[in-house]
Protein backbone atom coordinates (compact mmCIF):
# COMPACT_ATOMS: atom_id res chain seq x y z
CA MET A 1 24.90 25.52 -10.49
CA ASN A 2 28.09 23.41 -10.48
CA LEU A 3 29.08 21.06 -7.73
CA LYS A 4 32.82 21.18 -7.49
CA ALA A 5 35.58 18.95 -6.14
CA GLN A 6 38.29 20.55 -3.89
CA THR A 7 40.46 20.73 -7.06
CA GLY A 8 37.93 23.01 -8.61
CA GLU A 9 36.99 20.36 -11.30
CA VAL A 10 33.32 20.35 -12.18
CA VAL A 11 32.14 16.89 -11.27
CA ASP A 12 28.23 17.42 -11.72
CA LYS A 13 25.77 20.13 -12.50
CA ILE A 14 22.14 20.83 -12.52
CA ILE A 15 20.71 20.36 -16.04
CA ALA A 16 16.90 20.77 -15.39
CA LYS A 17 14.63 22.22 -12.60
CA VAL A 18 10.99 21.56 -12.09
CA ASP A 19 9.77 23.83 -9.26
CA ASP A 20 12.15 23.13 -6.51
CA LYS A 21 13.16 19.68 -7.94
CA ILE A 22 16.41 19.18 -9.80
CA ILE A 23 17.87 16.88 -12.30
CA LEU A 24 21.71 16.32 -12.24
CA LYS A 25 23.73 15.56 -15.34
CA SER A 26 25.14 12.48 -13.49
CA GLU A 27 21.58 11.11 -13.29
CA LEU A 28 20.99 11.51 -17.03
CA GLU A 29 24.23 9.86 -17.87
CA SER A 30 23.61 6.97 -15.52
CA ALA A 31 20.26 6.49 -17.17
CA TYR A 32 21.83 6.81 -20.48
CA LEU A 33 24.47 4.10 -19.74
CA GLN A 34 21.58 1.77 -18.48
CA PHE A 35 19.65 2.45 -21.63
CA LEU A 36 22.65 1.57 -24.01
CA SER A 37 22.77 -1.88 -22.27
CA SER A 38 19.01 -2.54 -22.67
CA PRO A 39 17.43 -4.36 -25.72
CA ASN A 40 15.43 -1.17 -26.50
CA ALA A 41 18.75 0.60 -27.55
CA LEU A 42 19.12 -1.64 -30.53
CA GLN A 43 15.79 -0.50 -32.05
CA PHE A 44 15.92 3.17 -30.95
CA ASP A 45 16.70 5.70 -33.70
CA GLY A 46 16.80 9.13 -32.11
CA ASP A 47 18.56 11.33 -29.39
CA ALA A 48 18.39 9.02 -26.49
CA ARG A 49 19.61 11.56 -24.03
CA CYS A 50 16.77 13.87 -25.01
CA MET A 51 14.18 11.07 -24.67
CA LEU A 52 15.54 10.25 -21.19
CA LEU A 53 15.73 13.82 -20.02
CA LYS A 54 12.11 14.38 -21.26
CA GLU A 55 11.01 11.35 -19.22
CA MET A 56 12.71 12.72 -16.11
CA VAL A 57 11.26 16.11 -16.46
CA GLU A 58 7.77 14.53 -16.91
CA SER A 59 8.40 12.53 -13.75
CA LYS A 60 9.24 15.49 -11.69
CA VAL A 61 6.13 17.34 -13.10
CA MET A 62 4.11 14.41 -11.86
CA LEU A 63 5.76 14.56 -8.58
CA ALA A 64 5.14 18.35 -8.20
CA MET A 65 1.52 17.84 -9.04
CA SER A 66 1.15 15.04 -6.51
CA GLU A 67 2.31 17.53 -3.96
CA ILE A 68 -0.25 20.07 -5.03
CA ASP A 69 -2.97 17.49 -5.19
CA SER A 70 -1.91 16.16 -1.75
CA VAL A 71 -1.53 12.70 -2.79
CA VAL A 72 -0.42 10.37 0.02
CA VAL A 73 1.37 7.03 -0.18
CA ASP A 74 0.18 4.56 2.40
CA GLU A 75 2.99 3.58 4.75
CA SER A 76 2.10 -0.12 4.40
CA ARG A 77 2.59 0.13 0.65
CA LEU A 78 5.96 1.92 1.17
CA ASP A 79 7.02 -0.72 3.85
CA TYR A 80 6.19 -3.48 1.28
CA GLU A 81 8.16 -1.93 -1.50
CA MET A 82 11.04 -1.43 0.87
CA GLN A 83 11.03 -4.96 1.88
CA SER A 84 10.87 -6.11 -1.75
CA ARG A 85 13.84 -3.99 -2.75
CA ALA A 86 15.85 -5.17 0.31
CA GLN A 87 15.24 -8.77 -0.56
CA GLN A 88 16.33 -8.10 -4.32
CA ILE A 89 19.59 -6.58 -2.85
CA MET A 90 20.09 -9.54 -0.54
CA GLN A 91 19.48 -12.01 -3.25
CA ARG A 92 21.88 -10.31 -5.47
CA PHE A 93 24.75 -10.18 -2.90
CA GLY A 94 23.98 -13.18 -0.80
CA SER A 95 24.81 -11.83 2.54
CA GLU A 96 25.13 -8.59 4.73
CA ASP A 97 28.87 -8.94 4.72
CA ALA A 98 29.02 -8.85 0.82
CA ILE A 99 26.74 -5.75 0.77
CA ARG A 100 28.86 -4.01 3.30
CA GLN A 101 32.04 -4.78 1.28
CA ALA A 102 30.47 -3.49 -1.98
CA TYR A 103 29.01 -0.30 -0.55
CA ASN A 104 30.75 0.15 2.86
CA LYS A 105 27.29 0.33 4.37
CA SER A 106 24.81 -2.07 5.95
CA LEU A 107 21.56 -3.11 4.18
CA ASP A 108 19.70 -0.98 6.74
CA GLN A 109 21.78 2.16 5.87
CA ILE A 110 21.18 1.56 2.14
CA MET A 111 17.49 1.18 2.60
CA SER A 112 17.15 4.19 5.00
CA GLU A 113 18.84 6.35 2.18
CA LEU A 114 16.57 4.82 -0.61
CA ARG A 115 13.39 5.30 1.45
CA PRO A 116 12.86 9.00 0.21
CA ASP A 117 13.44 8.09 -3.37
CA ILE A 118 11.14 5.01 -3.29
CA ARG A 119 8.48 7.25 -1.80
CA GLN A 120 8.86 9.73 -4.62
CA GLN A 121 8.57 6.90 -7.17
CA LEU A 122 5.31 5.61 -5.55
CA LEU A 123 3.93 9.21 -5.38
CA ILE A 124 4.54 9.55 -9.13
CA GLN A 125 2.86 6.28 -9.74
CA GLU A 126 -0.22 7.09 -7.66
CA GLN A 127 -0.41 10.57 -9.43
CA GLU A 128 -0.33 8.87 -12.88
CA ALA A 129 -2.85 6.23 -11.81
CA ASN A 130 -5.16 9.06 -10.66
CA VAL A 131 -4.81 10.90 -13.96
CA VAL A 132 -6.05 8.06 -15.98
CA SER A 133 -8.29 6.32 -13.53
CA ASP A 134 -11.51 7.33 -15.29
CA VAL A 135 -10.33 6.05 -18.61
CA THR A 136 -12.66 3.59 -20.14
CA VAL A 137 -13.31 2.25 -23.70
CA THR A 138 -16.50 1.27 -25.40
CA PRO A 139 -16.88 -1.56 -27.90
CA ASN A 140 -17.19 1.03 -30.51
CA GLU A 141 -13.79 2.40 -29.74
CA VAL A 142 -12.24 -1.01 -29.84
CA ARG A 143 -13.87 -1.59 -33.23
CA LYS A 144 -12.71 1.72 -34.52
CA LEU A 145 -9.17 0.98 -33.56
CA PHE A 146 -9.44 -2.48 -35.21
CA ASN A 147 -10.79 -1.03 -38.45
CA SER A 148 -8.02 1.65 -38.58
CA ILE A 149 -5.30 -1.06 -38.78
CA PRO A 150 -4.66 -2.29 -42.36
CA ARG A 151 -5.46 -6.10 -42.50
CA ASP A 152 -1.85 -7.05 -43.54
CA SER A 153 -0.61 -5.02 -40.44
CA LEU A 154 -2.75 -6.90 -37.91
CA PRO A 155 -0.70 -9.01 -35.45
CA LEU A 156 -0.25 -12.56 -36.14
CA TYR A 157 -0.89 -14.75 -33.21
CA SER A 158 0.74 -18.15 -32.86
CA MET A 159 -1.11 -21.27 -31.50
CA GLU A 160 -2.72 -20.37 -28.21
CA TYR A 161 -4.15 -22.48 -25.41
CA GLU A 162 -6.81 -22.07 -22.73
CA VAL A 163 -5.56 -24.32 -19.95
CA GLY A 164 -6.54 -24.56 -16.27
CA VAL A 165 -4.88 -26.41 -13.43
CA ILE A 166 -5.95 -27.33 -9.80
CA THR A 167 -3.25 -28.30 -7.53
CA LYS A 168 -3.09 -29.76 -3.98
CA ASN A 169 -0.03 -29.57 -1.78
CA PRO A 170 0.39 -32.81 0.27
CA GLU A 171 -0.38 -32.23 4.01
CA VAL A 172 2.44 -33.38 6.13
CA ASP A 173 1.63 -35.92 8.92
CA ARG A 174 1.62 -34.40 12.42
CA GLU A 175 4.08 -37.06 13.60
CA GLU A 176 6.72 -35.52 11.22
CA ILE A 177 6.11 -32.00 12.59
CA GLU A 178 6.53 -33.18 16.13
CA LYS A 179 9.85 -34.88 15.16
CA LEU A 180 11.11 -31.56 13.88
CA LYS A 181 9.94 -29.66 16.92
CA LYS A 182 11.79 -32.10 19.00
CA LYS A 183 15.06 -31.76 17.04
CA LEU A 184 14.75 -27.86 17.33
CA LEU A 185 14.22 -28.30 21.05
CA GLY A 186 17.61 -30.07 21.20
CA ILE A 187 19.28 -27.36 19.19
CA ARG A 188 17.68 -24.65 21.40
CA GLU A 189 19.14 -26.40 24.60
CA ARG A 190 22.69 -26.56 23.02
CA ILE A 191 22.48 -22.81 22.18
CA LEU A 192 21.19 -21.95 25.68
CA LYS A 193 24.30 -23.84 26.96
CA GLY A 194 26.67 -21.66 25.08
CA GLU A 195 26.87 -22.67 21.43
CA SER A 196 26.48 -20.04 18.73
CA PHE A 197 23.06 -19.62 17.29
CA GLU A 198 24.61 -18.48 14.04
CA ILE A 199 26.80 -21.74 13.69
CA MET A 200 23.87 -23.90 14.62
CA ALA A 201 21.80 -22.09 11.88
CA THR A 202 24.50 -22.59 9.34
CA LEU A 203 24.81 -26.32 10.19
CA ASN A 204 20.99 -27.02 10.54
CA SER A 205 18.72 -24.43 9.07
CA GLN A 206 17.07 -25.53 5.70
CA GLY A 207 16.02 -21.85 4.76
CA PRO A 208 17.82 -19.55 2.32
CA THR A 209 19.39 -17.63 5.34
CA SER A 210 21.34 -20.55 6.66
CA ALA A 211 24.58 -19.30 4.95
CA ASN A 212 24.06 -16.07 6.78
CA GLY A 213 23.67 -17.69 10.21
CA GLY A 214 19.96 -17.49 10.01
CA ASN A 215 20.04 -13.67 10.21
CA LEU A 216 17.01 -11.97 8.82
CA GLY A 217 18.06 -8.29 9.56
CA PHE A 218 15.48 -5.62 10.33
CA ASN A 219 11.93 -6.11 9.07
CA GLN A 220 8.93 -3.88 9.40
CA ARG A 221 6.02 -5.18 11.47
CA GLY A 222 3.49 -6.68 9.25
CA THR A 223 5.80 -7.87 6.52
CA MET A 224 6.65 -11.33 7.81
CA ASP A 225 4.63 -14.56 8.23
CA PRO A 226 2.06 -13.73 11.10
CA ALA A 227 3.09 -16.71 13.17
CA PHE A 228 6.69 -15.84 12.86
CA GLU A 229 6.27 -12.26 13.67
CA ALA A 230 4.11 -13.12 16.75
CA ALA A 231 6.72 -15.42 18.04
CA ALA A 232 9.55 -13.10 17.44
CA LEU A 233 7.86 -10.00 19.01
CA ALA A 234 6.78 -11.93 22.17
CA LEU A 235 10.50 -12.16 23.00
CA LYS A 236 12.88 -9.87 24.84
CA PRO A 237 16.06 -9.13 23.02
CA GLY A 238 18.48 -12.19 23.29
CA GLU A 239 15.59 -14.62 24.20
CA ILE A 240 15.03 -17.72 21.92
CA SER A 241 11.49 -18.99 21.27
CA MET A 242 10.25 -22.48 21.83
CA PRO A 243 9.62 -24.34 18.43
CA PHE A 244 6.64 -23.11 16.58
CA GLU A 245 4.93 -23.60 13.06
CA SER A 246 4.59 -21.09 10.36
CA SER A 247 3.37 -21.38 6.72
CA PHE A 248 7.10 -22.03 5.82
CA GLY A 249 8.08 -24.73 8.32
CA VAL A 250 9.04 -25.26 11.93
CA HIS A 251 11.21 -22.62 13.51
CA ILE A 252 13.03 -21.31 16.60
CA VAL A 253 13.73 -17.57 16.52
CA GLN A 254 15.89 -15.22 18.50
CA LEU A 255 15.14 -11.59 18.83
CA ILE A 256 18.13 -9.43 18.53
CA GLU A 257 16.72 -5.86 18.83
CA LYS A 258 13.56 -3.89 18.54
CA ARG A 259 13.68 -0.45 17.13
CA GLY A 260 10.48 1.49 16.64
CA ASN A 261 8.29 -0.31 14.01
CA GLU A 262 11.23 -2.62 13.01
CA TYR A 263 12.77 -5.71 14.69
CA ASN A 264 16.00 -7.53 13.93
CA SER A 265 15.90 -11.41 14.42
CA ARG A 266 17.57 -14.72 13.36
CA HIS A 267 16.04 -18.10 13.03
CA ILE A 268 16.45 -21.74 12.31
CA ILE A 269 13.92 -23.48 10.16
CA LEU A 270 13.27 -27.07 9.43
CA ILE A 271 10.99 -27.89 6.58
CA PRO A 272 8.56 -30.80 7.01
CA LYS A 273 8.66 -33.19 3.99
CA PRO A 274 5.58 -35.14 3.07
CA THR A 275 5.70 -38.89 2.84
CA GLN A 276 4.63 -40.81 -0.24
CA ASP A 277 1.35 -41.72 1.61
CA ASP A 278 0.77 -37.91 2.06
CA VAL A 279 1.29 -37.35 -1.66
CA LYS A 280 -1.10 -40.26 -2.43
CA GLU A 281 -3.81 -38.63 -0.34
CA ALA A 282 -3.42 -35.42 -2.26
CA VAL A 283 -3.83 -37.40 -5.60
CA GLN A 284 -6.91 -39.15 -4.15
CA TYR A 285 -8.35 -35.75 -3.10
CA LEU A 286 -8.06 -34.25 -6.55
CA ASP A 287 -9.41 -37.40 -8.24
CA SER A 288 -12.51 -37.14 -6.00
CA LEU A 289 -12.86 -33.33 -6.96
CA ARG A 290 -12.47 -34.33 -10.60
CA GLU A 291 -15.38 -36.71 -10.30
CA GLU A 292 -17.53 -34.01 -8.85
CA ILE A 293 -16.62 -31.67 -11.68
CA LEU A 294 -17.42 -34.33 -14.31
CA ALA A 295 -20.72 -34.91 -12.61
CA LYS A 296 -21.51 -31.17 -12.88
CA LYS A 297 -21.78 -30.81 -9.14
CA ILE A 298 -19.33 -27.93 -9.35
CA THR A 299 -17.65 -26.25 -12.24
CA PHE A 300 -13.89 -26.39 -12.87
CA GLU A 301 -13.64 -22.67 -12.25
CA GLU A 302 -15.47 -22.76 -8.95
CA ALA A 303 -13.46 -25.72 -7.80
CA ALA A 304 -10.11 -24.02 -8.66
CA LYS A 305 -11.10 -20.78 -6.81
CA GLN A 306 -12.15 -22.75 -3.66
CA TYR A 307 -9.79 -25.54 -3.53
CA SER A 308 -6.62 -25.10 -5.60
CA ASP A 309 -3.28 -24.43 -3.82
CA ASP A 310 -1.95 -22.62 -6.86
CA ASP A 311 -2.45 -18.84 -5.83
CA GLN A 312 -1.36 -17.59 -9.30
CA THR A 313 -4.08 -19.42 -11.26
CA LYS A 314 -6.94 -19.79 -8.71
CA VAL A 315 -7.93 -16.14 -9.03
CA ASN A 316 -8.59 -16.79 -12.73
CA GLY A 317 -10.57 -19.94 -12.04
CA GLY A 318 -7.55 -22.05 -12.43
CA TYR A 319 -6.58 -20.65 -15.86
CA PHE A 320 -3.24 -19.44 -16.92
CA ALA A 321 -3.21 -15.74 -17.80
CA GLY A 322 -1.79 -14.39 -21.15
CA GLN A 323 -1.29 -10.75 -22.16
CA PHE A 324 -3.78 -8.01 -21.27
CA GLY A 325 -5.92 -10.30 -19.09
CA SER A 326 -6.60 -12.81 -21.70
CA LEU A 327 -6.83 -16.42 -20.65
CA ARG A 328 -5.24 -17.65 -23.69
CA VAL A 329 -1.45 -18.36 -23.72
CA PRO A 330 0.94 -19.37 -26.46
CA ALA A 331 2.73 -22.66 -26.39
CA ASN A 332 6.16 -21.18 -25.48
CA SER A 333 4.70 -19.58 -22.41
CA LEU A 334 3.52 -22.97 -20.89
CA ASP A 335 5.78 -25.13 -18.82
CA PRO A 336 7.19 -27.75 -21.13
CA GLU A 337 5.98 -30.65 -18.94
CA LEU A 338 2.53 -29.14 -18.93
CA PHE A 339 2.62 -28.57 -22.64
CA PHE A 340 3.47 -32.38 -23.23
CA GLU A 341 0.65 -33.35 -21.04
CA ILE A 342 -2.07 -31.37 -22.85
CA ASP A 343 -0.59 -32.46 -26.15
CA LYS A 344 -1.89 -35.95 -25.24
CA MET A 345 -5.29 -34.66 -24.30
CA LYS A 346 -8.50 -33.80 -26.19
CA GLU A 347 -10.14 -30.34 -25.96
CA GLY A 348 -12.61 -30.23 -23.17
CA GLU A 349 -10.97 -33.02 -21.26
CA ILE A 350 -9.86 -33.00 -17.49
CA SER A 351 -6.96 -35.19 -16.67
CA LYS A 352 -6.78 -37.65 -13.87
CA ALA A 353 -4.68 -36.33 -10.87
CA SER A 354 -0.93 -36.93 -11.11
CA THR A 355 2.08 -35.88 -9.26
CA VAL A 356 4.39 -33.09 -10.39
CA GLN A 357 8.04 -32.63 -9.15
CA VAL A 358 8.31 -28.99 -8.23
CA SER A 359 11.81 -29.35 -6.67
CA ALA A 360 14.35 -31.95 -5.89
CA ASP A 361 12.51 -33.21 -2.90
CA GLU A 362 8.96 -31.74 -3.27
CA GLN A 363 5.91 -33.05 -5.21
CA ILE A 364 2.38 -31.71 -5.57
CA ALA A 365 -0.70 -33.30 -7.03
CA ARG A 366 -2.49 -31.69 -10.07
CA ILE A 367 -5.35 -32.04 -12.50
CA ILE A 368 -5.46 -30.32 -15.88
CA TYR A 369 -8.27 -28.81 -17.80
CA PHE A 370 -7.49 -28.65 -21.62
CA LYS A 371 -10.35 -26.28 -22.52
CA LYS A 372 -9.49 -25.08 -25.86
CA LYS A 373 -6.82 -24.69 -28.58
CA VAL A 374 -6.88 -21.53 -30.94
CA PRO A 375 -5.00 -22.03 -34.17
CA PRO A 376 -2.47 -19.42 -35.57
CA HIS A 377 -4.47 -16.50 -36.83
CA ARG A 378 -4.53 -12.74 -37.62
CA ALA A 379 -6.05 -10.74 -34.87
CA ASN A 380 -9.84 -10.45 -35.22
CA LEU A 381 -12.57 -8.97 -33.05
CA THR A 382 -14.17 -12.37 -32.25
CA ASP A 383 -11.02 -14.20 -30.94
CA ASP A 384 -8.98 -11.45 -29.68
CA TYR A 385 -11.38 -8.72 -28.36
CA GLU A 386 -9.79 -8.58 -24.79
CA LYS A 387 -6.38 -7.92 -26.39
CA LEU A 388 -7.70 -5.30 -28.56
CA LYS A 389 -9.69 -3.63 -25.88
CA ALA A 390 -6.41 -3.57 -23.68
CA ALA A 391 -4.54 -2.08 -26.49
CA THR A 392 -7.20 0.60 -27.03
CA THR A 393 -7.30 1.31 -23.42
CA GLN A 394 -3.56 1.63 -23.31
CA MET A 395 -3.53 4.10 -26.14
CA LYS A 396 -6.26 6.20 -24.59
CA LYS A 397 -4.45 6.29 -21.23
CA ALA A 398 -1.26 7.34 -22.89
CA ARG A 399 -2.90 10.09 -24.80
CA LYS A 400 -4.69 11.44 -21.57
CA ARG A 401 -1.44 11.26 -19.66
CA GLN A 402 0.39 13.23 -22.44
CA GLU A 403 -2.49 15.85 -22.56
CA TYR A 404 -2.35 16.25 -18.75
CA LEU A 405 1.41 16.79 -18.79
CA GLN A 406 1.24 19.40 -21.55
CA ASP A 407 -1.30 21.33 -19.61
CA LYS A 408 0.55 21.02 -16.24
CA MET A 409 3.90 21.91 -17.79
CA LYS A 410 2.43 25.41 -18.25
CA GLU A 411 1.65 25.75 -14.51
CA VAL A 412 4.92 24.68 -12.94
CA TYR A 413 8.27 26.36 -13.33
CA ILE A 414 10.58 24.45 -15.63
CA GLU A 415 14.15 25.32 -16.64
CA VAL A 416 16.35 23.19 -18.82
CA ALA A 417 20.07 23.83 -19.45
CA PRO A 418 20.69 25.55 -22.85
CA GLU A 419 22.72 22.55 -24.06
CA TYR A 420 19.47 20.55 -24.12
CA ASN A 421 17.36 23.13 -26.03
CA ARG A 422 17.52 20.66 -28.94
CA CYS A 423 15.29 18.34 -26.99
CA GLY A 424 12.38 20.74 -27.19
CA ILE A 425 11.20 19.95 -23.69
CA ILE A 426 10.06 23.62 -23.21
CA LYS A 427 8.08 24.36 -26.29
CA ASN A 428 9.31 27.98 -26.72
CA GLN A 429 13.02 26.88 -26.73
């Protein structure tokens, strides 16, 4: 089937079908151009179009099977993914006006059009996860994989470190927060007397939306900070809230419109800045916690999980995570400032609390645990079991996925245009 322009020129055509799902030549060519600009293209030796078309057909098979198996994507997960994609688009273009100029559409219109595609992507991911969900590996399988690799072909790992941190964000004095609320009250009064909310946001707001007049666009319920959302949804369209606190700062918010499960709002945010006394208190807090760890009243790992403000490391007991769940990281993966600190330390040592400059006007307190240094080495079962286990699991999942696809491709209707017979996607071609 060809899609033709009014002149009769062929502008696109269907090159594959999987049940009632189609793949257009334009989709393949677009994927091919993206592939050519990727680092993988330099190392690929084969027919890239065939490889990409095979992947597309396999995705359509997974999608078809997700429908047969009645797989459902949770709406909250879809909403979260939509919000994430919208933020990426906004960050790329900087403003709603720039998006509209580029696409002749609003961000809401773009996201509405993308929603079905994103839902399909999540369905495919869910189906693939279900297919390999029961895959496990035994120590014997890990050992078997390790023994199958020639010794001179085993990966060579550079110097690795086991390093943990516990951080503490300075708590801002209440007096500073009340000052900001008072300032926002003054701004609110000026807006109520006729000044533009957007201009006031541009001049005063300290958040990333200030350049866009404080406009946040439409957001799904449940995706914003709870305190912010509660304040916004308590308003009628056009109303402006009193100053309130969220986990990001102190705001006033104006509700623009409610539409089903979405709401459109704009805000002005002022971010409280801790004083040097606040920073000193955070340092003292961590020094006291360090003493408790050294006295063995609590382990470093327990202290990190309970008290650290670093959300990325606290789930690992304070440790930085490497590949495949390993808690060992190569030197080049560590922040240079952190690396220079541990270079001065001995293995097993916990540093005294110090301050770290995380932005131009923000400091946090931190203690460091330099647990261990692993010299450069060839992979072995003792030092690298978790990495080898992850590699074994990955291989086993890939094999099960491929076996599943080979089986299901016999059950669904698949048609591929003759010009792609060379790809061998349908085995009898």
